[in-house]
PDB file of N, CA and C in Angstrom:
ATOM      1  N   MET A   1       1.580  -1.637 -31.896  1.00  0.00           N
ATOM      2  CA  MET A   1       1.215  -1.991 -30.503  1.00  0.00           C
ATOM      3  C   MET A   1       0.782  -0.734 -29.941  1.00  0.00           C
ATOM      4  N   PRO A   2      -0.558  -0.942 -29.358  1.00  0.00           N
ATOM      5  CA  PRO A   2      -1.242   0.124 -28.561  1.00  0.00           C
ATOM      6  C   PRO A   2      -0.373   0.355 -27.236  1.00  0.00           C
ATOM      7  N   TRP A   3      -0.455   1.511 -26.776  1.00  0.00           N
ATOM      8  CA  TRP A   3       0.183   1.923 -25.516  1.00  0.00           C
ATOM      9  C   TRP A   3      -0.558   1.256 -24.337  1.00  0.00           C
ATOM     10  N   GLN A   4       0.260   0.873 -23.383  1.00  0.00           N
ATOM     11  CA  GLN A   4      -0.467   0.079 -22.200  1.00  0.00           C
ATOM     12  C   GLN A   4       0.183   0.582 -21.104  1.00  0.00           C
ATOM     13  N   PRO A   5      -0.504   0.713 -19.831  1.00  0.00           N
ATOM     14  CA  PRO A   5       0.258   1.125 -18.503  1.00  0.00           C
ATOM     15  C   PRO A   5       1.217   0.334 -18.308  1.00  0.00           C
ATOM     16  N   PRO A   6       2.333   0.800 -17.652  1.00  0.00           N
ATOM     17  CA  PRO A   6       3.516   0.072 -17.199  1.00  0.00           C
ATOM     18  C   PRO A   6       3.050  -0.953 -16.129  1.00  0.00           C
ATOM     19  N   ILE A   7       2.276  -0.796 -15.311  1.00  0.00           N
ATOM     20  CA  ILE A   7       2.055  -1.747 -14.186  1.00  0.00           C
ATOM     21  C   ILE A   7       0.803  -2.300 -14.320  1.00  0.00           C
ATOM     22  N   VAL A   8       0.566  -3.626 -14.330  1.00  0.00           N
ATOM     23  CA  VAL A   8      -0.590  -4.437 -14.508  1.00  0.00           C
ATOM     24  C   VAL A   8      -1.031  -5.330 -13.262  1.00  0.00           C
ATOM     25  N   VAL A   9      -2.069  -5.126 -12.832  1.00  0.00           N
ATOM     26  CA  VAL A   9      -2.536  -5.942 -11.743  1.00  0.00           C
ATOM     27  C   VAL A   9      -3.361  -7.026 -12.314  1.00  0.00           C
ATOM     28  N   HIS A  10      -3.024  -8.417 -12.419  1.00  0.00           N
ATOM     29  CA  HIS A  10      -3.812  -9.416 -13.052  1.00  0.00           C
ATOM     30  C   HIS A  10      -4.884 -10.028 -12.203  1.00  0.00           C
ATOM     31  N   PRO A  11      -5.852 -10.749 -12.946  1.00  0.00           N
ATOM     32  CA  PRO A  11      -6.936 -11.385 -12.126  1.00  0.00           C
ATOM     33  C   PRO A  11      -6.445 -12.477 -11.193  1.00  0.00           C
ATOM     34  N   PHE A  12      -7.166 -12.816 -10.191  1.00  0.00           N
ATOM     35  CA  PHE A  12      -6.686 -13.727  -9.148  1.00  0.00           C
ATOM     36  C   PHE A  12      -6.300 -14.993  -9.459  1.00  0.00           C
ATOM     37  N   THR A  13      -5.250 -15.580  -8.879  1.00  0.00           N
ATOM     38  CA  THR A  13      -4.705 -16.860  -9.186  1.00  0.00           C
ATOM     39  C   THR A  13      -5.845 -17.810  -8.268  1.00  0.00           C
ATOM     40  N   SER A  14      -5.545 -19.176  -8.419  1.00  0.00           N
ATOM     41  CA  SER A  14      -6.295 -20.099  -7.734  1.00  0.00           C
ATOM     42  C   SER A  14      -5.943 -20.032  -6.129  1.00  0.00           C
ATOM     43  N   GLU A  15      -4.739 -19.352  -5.903  1.00  0.00           N
ATOM     44  CA  GLU A  15      -4.334 -19.346  -4.444  1.00  0.00           C
ATOM     45  C   GLU A  15      -4.935 -18.022  -3.855  1.00  0.00           C
ATOM     46  N   GLY A  16      -5.622 -17.085  -4.627  1.00  0.00           N
ATOM     47  CA  GLY A  16      -6.376 -16.042  -4.238  1.00  0.00           C
ATOM     48  C   GLY A  16      -5.413 -14.840  -4.170  1.00  0.00           C
ATOM     49  N   GLU A  17      -4.305 -14.800  -4.810  1.00  0.00           N
ATOM     50  CA  GLU A  17      -3.406 -13.705  -5.021  1.00  0.00           C
ATOM     51  C   GLU A  17      -3.612 -13.092  -6.481  1.00  0.00           C
ATOM     52  N   ARG A  18      -3.288 -11.843  -6.591  1.00  0.00           N
ATOM     53  CA  ARG A  18      -3.280 -11.189  -7.883  1.00  0.00           C
ATOM     54  C   ARG A  18      -1.763 -10.964  -8.309  1.00  0.00           C
ATOM     55  N   PRO A  19      -1.388 -11.657  -9.496  1.00  0.00           N
ATOM     56  CA  PRO A  19      -0.053 -11.325  -9.987  1.00  0.00           C
ATOM     57  C   PRO A  19       0.063  -9.822 -10.471  1.00  0.00           C
ATOM     58  N   ILE A  20       1.391  -9.564 -10.240  1.00  0.00           N
ATOM     59  CA  ILE A  20       1.832  -7.900 -10.692  1.00  0.00           C
ATOM     60  C   ILE A  20       2.876  -8.243 -11.706  1.00  0.00           C
ATOM     61  N   SER A  21       2.724  -7.331 -12.665  1.00  0.00           N
ATOM     62  CA  SER A  21       3.754  -7.276 -13.671  1.00  0.00           C
ATOM     63  C   SER A  21       4.131  -5.836 -14.061  1.00  0.00           C
ATOM     64  N   VAL A  22       5.371  -5.561 -14.346  1.00  0.00           N
ATOM     65  CA  VAL A  22       5.726  -4.226 -14.648  1.00  0.00           C
ATOM     66  C   VAL A  22       6.447  -4.171 -16.086  1.00  0.00           C
ATOM     67  N   ARG A  23       5.892  -3.441 -16.974  1.00  0.00           N
ATOM     68  CA  ARG A  23       6.514  -3.496 -18.337  1.00  0.00           C
ATOM     69  C   ARG A  23       6.660  -4.887 -18.893  1.00  0.00           C
ATOM     70  N   GLY A  24       5.580  -5.747 -18.690  1.00  0.00           N
ATOM     71  CA  GLY A  24       5.644  -7.156 -19.088  1.00  0.00           C
ATOM     72  C   GLY A  24       6.411  -8.249 -18.414  1.00  0.00           C
ATOM     73  N   SER A  25       7.101  -7.693 -17.339  1.00  0.00           N
ATOM     74  CA  SER A  25       7.751  -8.638 -16.473  1.00  0.00           C
ATOM     75  C   SER A  25       7.203  -8.986 -15.079  1.00  0.00           C
ATOM     76  N   HIS A  26       6.937 -10.168 -14.868  1.00  0.00           N
ATOM     77  CA  HIS A  26       6.221 -10.489 -13.528  1.00  0.00           C
ATOM     78  C   HIS A  26       7.219  -9.953 -12.405  1.00  0.00           C
ATOM     79  N   ILE A  27       6.633  -9.422 -11.448  1.00  0.00           N
ATOM     80  CA  ILE A  27       7.619  -8.938 -10.285  1.00  0.00           C
ATOM     81  C   ILE A  27       7.030  -9.392  -8.849  1.00  0.00           C
ATOM     82  N   GLY A  28       5.971 -10.090  -8.942  1.00  0.00           N
ATOM     83  CA  GLY A  28       5.299 -10.604  -7.580  1.00  0.00           C
ATOM     84  C   GLY A  28       3.693 -10.741  -7.540  1.00  0.00           C
ATOM     85  N   HIS A  29       3.275 -11.110  -6.284  1.00  0.00           N
ATOM     86  CA  HIS A  29       1.965 -11.313  -6.219  1.00  0.00           C
ATOM     87  C   HIS A  29       1.454 -10.416  -5.021  1.00  0.00           C
ATOM     88  N   ALA A  30       0.261 -10.129  -4.886  1.00  0.00           N
ATOM     89  CA  ALA A  30      -0.293  -9.129  -3.818  1.00  0.00           C
ATOM     90  C   ALA A  30      -1.761  -9.722  -3.397  1.00  0.00           C
ATOM     91  N   ARG A  31      -1.975  -9.521  -2.127  1.00  0.00           N
ATOM     92  CA  ARG A  31      -3.474  -9.770  -1.561  1.00  0.00           C
ATOM     93  C   ARG A  31      -4.103  -8.475  -1.097  1.00  0.00           C
ATOM     94  N   SER A  32      -3.293  -7.317  -1.247  1.00  0.00           N
ATOM     95  CA  SER A  32      -3.841  -6.067  -0.708  1.00  0.00           C
ATOM     96  C   SER A  32      -3.084  -4.919  -1.331  1.00  0.00           C
ATOM     97  N   ASP A  33      -3.885  -3.765  -1.097  1.00  0.00           N
ATOM     98  CA  ASP A  33      -2.938  -2.576  -1.564  1.00  0.00           C
ATOM     99  C   ASP A  33      -1.766  -2.426  -0.882  1.00  0.00           C
ATOM    100  N   HIS A  34      -1.671  -2.761   0.146  1.00  0.00           N
ATOM    101  CA  HIS A  34      -0.361  -2.734   1.066  1.00  0.00           C
ATOM    102  C   HIS A  34       0.569  -3.632   0.508  1.00  0.00           C
ATOM    103  N   GLU A  35       0.347  -4.758   0.258  1.00  0.00           N
ATOM    104  CA  GLU A  35       1.360  -5.670  -0.429  1.00  0.00           C
ATOM    105  C   GLU A  35       1.726  -5.208  -1.814  1.00  0.00           C
ATOM    106  N   LEU A  36       0.773  -4.744  -2.557  1.00  0.00           N
ATOM    107  CA  LEU A  36       0.949  -4.236  -4.094  1.00  0.00           C
ATOM    108  C   LEU A  36       1.973  -3.186  -3.887  1.00  0.00           C
ATOM    109  N   LEU A  37       2.013  -2.138  -2.999  1.00  0.00           N
ATOM    110  CA  LEU A  37       2.787  -1.124  -2.683  1.00  0.00           C
ATOM    111  C   LEU A  37       4.182  -1.596  -2.398  1.00  0.00           C
ATOM    112  N   GLU A  38       4.254  -2.667  -1.702  1.00  0.00           N
ATOM    113  CA  GLU A  38       5.412  -3.208  -1.282  1.00  0.00           C
ATOM    114  C   GLU A  38       6.118  -3.947  -2.341  1.00  0.00           C
ATOM    115  N   VAL A  39       5.417  -4.602  -3.237  1.00  0.00           N
ATOM    116  CA  VAL A  39       5.860  -5.153  -4.417  1.00  0.00           C
ATOM    117  C   VAL A  39       6.527  -4.324  -5.301  1.00  0.00           C
ATOM    118  N   LEU A  40       5.711  -3.069  -5.537  1.00  0.00           N
ATOM    119  CA  LEU A  40       6.097  -1.984  -6.395  1.00  0.00           C
ATOM    120  C   LEU A  40       7.592  -1.289  -5.809  1.00  0.00           C
ATOM    121  N   ARG A  41       7.518  -1.144  -4.584  1.00  0.00           N
ATOM    122  CA  ARG A  41       8.638  -0.539  -4.023  1.00  0.00           C
ATOM    123  C   ARG A  41      10.043  -1.462  -4.101  1.00  0.00           C
ATOM    124  N   ALA A  42       9.725  -2.764  -3.989  1.00  0.00           N
ATOM    125  CA  ALA A  42      10.840  -3.617  -4.184  1.00  0.00           C
ATOM    126  C   ALA A  42      11.379  -3.529  -5.482  1.00  0.00           C
ATOM    127  N   ALA A  43      10.550  -3.150  -6.501  1.00  0.00           N
ATOM    128  CA  ALA A  43      10.933  -3.163  -7.912  1.00  0.00           C
ATOM    129  C   ALA A  43      11.478  -1.717  -8.058  1.00  0.00           C
ATOM    130  N   GLY A  44      11.532  -0.962  -7.281  1.00  0.00           N
ATOM    131  CA  GLY A  44      11.984   0.294  -7.355  1.00  0.00           C
ATOM    132  C   GLY A  44      11.142   1.380  -7.826  1.00  0.00           C
ATOM    133  N   LEU A  45       9.896   1.345  -7.700  1.00  0.00           N
ATOM    134  CA  LEU A  45       8.683   2.203  -8.096  1.00  0.00           C
ATOM    135  C   LEU A  45       8.293   3.048  -6.821  1.00  0.00           C
ATOM    136  N   ASP A  46       8.975   3.681  -6.102  1.00  0.00           N
ATOM    137  CA  ASP A  46       8.752   4.376  -4.823  1.00  0.00           C
ATOM    138  C   ASP A  46       7.337   5.462  -5.196  1.00  0.00           C
ATOM    139  N   GLU A  47       7.265   6.065  -6.245  1.00  0.00           N
ATOM    140  CA  GLU A  47       6.130   6.881  -6.469  1.00  0.00           C
ATOM    141  C   GLU A  47       4.836   6.491  -6.721  1.00  0.00           C
ATOM    142  N   ALA A  48       4.780   5.085  -6.600  1.00  0.00           N
ATOM    143  CA  ALA A  48       3.565   4.429  -6.915  1.00  0.00           C
ATOM    144  C   ALA A  48       2.486   4.569  -5.721  1.00  0.00           C
ATOM    145  N   ASP A  49       2.885   5.181  -4.541  1.00  0.00           N
ATOM    146  CA  ASP A  49       2.006   5.479  -3.379  1.00  0.00           C
ATOM    147  C   ASP A  49       0.604   6.117  -3.872  1.00  0.00           C
ATOM    148  N   ALA A  50       0.713   7.115  -4.665  1.00  0.00           N
ATOM    149  CA  ALA A  50      -0.460   7.959  -4.903  1.00  0.00           C
ATOM    150  C   ALA A  50      -0.973   7.480  -6.265  1.00  0.00           C
ATOM    151  N   ALA A  51      -0.459   6.613  -6.966  1.00  0.00           N
ATOM    152  CA  ALA A  51      -0.974   6.292  -8.254  1.00  0.00           C
ATOM    153  C   ALA A  51      -1.668   5.134  -8.569  1.00  0.00           C
ATOM    154  N   LEU A  52      -2.052   4.429  -7.508  1.00  0.00           N
ATOM    155  CA  LEU A  52      -2.846   3.146  -7.846  1.00  0.00           C
ATOM    156  C   LEU A  52      -4.349   3.377  -8.551  1.00  0.00           C
ATOM    157  N   ASP A  53      -4.755   4.647  -8.464  1.00  0.00           N
ATOM    158  CA  ASP A  53      -6.049   4.892  -9.236  1.00  0.00           C
ATOM    159  C   ASP A  53      -5.688   5.584 -10.544  1.00  0.00           C
ATOM    160  N   ASP A  54      -4.560   5.781 -10.925  1.00  0.00           N
ATOM    161  CA  ASP A  54      -4.289   6.405 -12.278  1.00  0.00           C
ATOM    162  C   ASP A  54      -4.060   5.362 -13.274  1.00  0.00           C
ATOM    163  N   PRO A  55      -5.354   5.391 -14.120  1.00  0.00           N
ATOM    164  CA  PRO A  55      -5.212   4.339 -15.264  1.00  0.00           C
ATOM    165  C   PRO A  55      -4.156   4.557 -16.322  1.00  0.00           C
ATOM    166  N   HIS A  56      -3.334   5.701 -16.314  1.00  0.00           N
ATOM    167  CA  HIS A  56      -2.120   5.731 -17.102  1.00  0.00           C
ATOM    168  C   HIS A  56      -0.941   4.926 -16.491  1.00  0.00           C
ATOM    169  N   LEU A  57      -1.068   4.657 -15.335  1.00  0.00           N
ATOM    170  CA  LEU A  57       0.077   3.960 -14.608  1.00  0.00           C
ATOM    171  C   LEU A  57      -0.191   2.613 -14.312  1.00  0.00           C
ATOM    172  N   VAL A  58      -1.455   2.264 -13.958  1.00  0.00           N
ATOM    173  CA  VAL A  58      -1.870   0.901 -13.473  1.00  0.00           C
ATOM    174  C   VAL A  58      -3.164   0.455 -14.123  1.00  0.00           C
ATOM    175  N   GLU A  59      -2.981  -0.711 -14.773  1.00  0.00           N
ATOM    176  CA  GLU A  59      -4.135  -1.340 -15.331  1.00  0.00           C
ATOM    177  C   GLU A  59      -4.694  -2.446 -14.337  1.00  0.00           C
ATOM    178  N   TRP A  60      -5.894  -2.375 -14.101  1.00  0.00           N
ATOM    179  CA  TRP A  60      -6.317  -3.509 -13.100  1.00  0.00           C
ATOM    180  C   TRP A  60      -7.050  -4.377 -14.014  1.00  0.00           C
ATOM    181  N   ARG A  61      -6.742  -5.725 -14.253  1.00  0.00           N
ATOM    182  CA  ARG A  61      -7.399  -6.562 -15.032  1.00  0.00           C
ATOM    183  C   ARG A  61      -8.239  -7.525 -14.077  1.00  0.00           C
ATOM    184  N   GLY A  62      -9.407  -7.922 -14.678  1.00  0.00           N
ATOM    185  CA  GLY A  62     -10.263  -8.845 -13.883  1.00  0.00           C
ATOM    186  C   GLY A  62     -11.007  -7.837 -12.921  1.00  0.00           C
ATOM    187  N   PRO A  63     -10.979  -8.104 -11.718  1.00  0.00           N
ATOM    188  CA  PRO A  63     -11.681  -7.166 -10.806  1.00  0.00           C
ATOM    189  C   PRO A  63     -10.977  -5.862 -10.749  1.00  0.00           C
ATOM    190  N   GLY A  64     -11.803  -4.829 -10.500  1.00  0.00           N
ATOM    191  CA  GLY A  64     -11.390  -3.530 -10.534  1.00  0.00           C
ATOM    192  C   GLY A  64     -10.376  -3.105  -9.351  1.00  0.00           C
ATOM    193  N   PRO A  65     -10.039  -1.922  -9.449  1.00  0.00           N
ATOM    194  CA  PRO A  65      -9.139  -1.333  -8.531  1.00  0.00           C
ATOM    195  C   PRO A  65      -9.429  -1.675  -7.103  1.00  0.00           C
ATOM    196  N   HIS A  66      -8.490  -1.952  -6.325  1.00  0.00           N
ATOM    197  CA  HIS A  66      -8.637  -2.188  -4.776  1.00  0.00           C
ATOM    198  C   HIS A  66      -9.356  -3.589  -4.435  1.00  0.00           C
ATOM    199  N   VAL A  67      -9.681  -4.377  -5.503  1.00  0.00           N
ATOM    200  CA  VAL A  67     -10.494  -5.626  -5.235  1.00  0.00           C
ATOM    201  C   VAL A  67      -9.489  -6.760  -4.732  1.00  0.00           C
ATOM    202  N   TRP A  68      -9.445  -7.145  -3.388  1.00  0.00           N
ATOM    203  CA  TRP A  68      -8.474  -8.149  -3.073  1.00  0.00           C
ATOM    204  C   TRP A  68      -9.247  -9.304  -2.522  1.00  0.00           C
ATOM    205  N   THR A  69     -10.449  -9.565  -2.666  1.00  0.00           N
ATOM    206  CA  THR A  69     -11.328 -10.584  -2.359  1.00  0.00           C
ATOM    207  C   THR A  69     -11.730 -11.364  -3.509  1.00  0.00           C
ATOM    208  N   PRO A  70     -11.386 -12.571  -3.814  1.00  0.00           N
ATOM    209  CA  PRO A  70     -11.617 -13.322  -4.944  1.00  0.00           C
ATOM    210  C   PRO A  70     -13.109 -13.572  -5.034  1.00  0.00           C
ATOM    211  N   PRO A  71     -13.664 -13.542  -6.344  1.00  0.00           N
ATOM    212  CA  PRO A  71     -15.222 -13.780  -6.312  1.00  0.00           C
ATOM    213  C   PRO A  71     -15.305 -15.062  -6.012  1.00  0.00           C
ATOM    214  N   GLU A  72     -16.567 -15.386  -5.271  1.00  0.00           N
ATOM    215  CA  GLU A  72     -16.900 -16.699  -4.854  1.00  0.00           C
ATOM    216  C   GLU A  72     -17.440 -17.456  -6.073  1.00  0.00           C
ATOM    217  N   THR A  73     -17.090 -18.809  -6.051  1.00  0.00           N
ATOM    218  CA  THR A  73     -17.559 -19.708  -7.187  1.00  0.00           C
ATOM    219  C   THR A  73     -18.498 -20.552  -6.755  1.00  0.00           C
ATOM    220  N   ASP A  74     -19.477 -21.132  -7.494  1.00  0.00           N
ATOM    221  CA  ASP A  74     -20.497 -22.026  -6.983  1.00  0.00           C
ATOM    222  C   ASP A  74     -20.046 -23.417  -6.812  1.00  0.00           C
ATOM    223  N   GLY A  75     -18.858 -23.721  -7.162  1.00  0.00           N
ATOM    224  CA  GLY A  75     -18.294 -24.972  -6.863  1.00  0.00           C
ATOM    225  C   GLY A  75     -19.013 -26.025  -7.845  1.00  0.00           C
ATOM    226  N   GLY A  76     -19.685 -25.823  -8.828  1.00  0.00           N
ATOM    227  CA  GLY A  76     -20.226 -26.688  -9.692  1.00  0.00           C
ATOM    228  C   GLY A  76     -21.783 -27.178  -9.056  1.00  0.00           C
ATOM    229  N   ALA A  77     -22.211 -26.431  -8.181  1.00  0.00           N
ATOM    230  CA  ALA A  77     -23.494 -26.950  -7.494  1.00  0.00           C
ATOM    231  C   ALA A  77     -24.518 -26.706  -8.446  1.00  0.00           C
TER     232      ALA A  77
END
């Protein structure tokens, strides 16, 4: 199994949040960098403040780092 960063920020849910997992376990959802840091702190990862841009620690799936606005859909028009 290839190495994977311990923190994963997943693509948007239909509610406009991004699920967060640490080492494969879901730990919460976030809508901003601030909320992401709060979720990580609650999980005991205080050092994460300066690490959101470190690809060795955080994998951003779907939209890239610091993207908190879901892409617009055309609604089938």
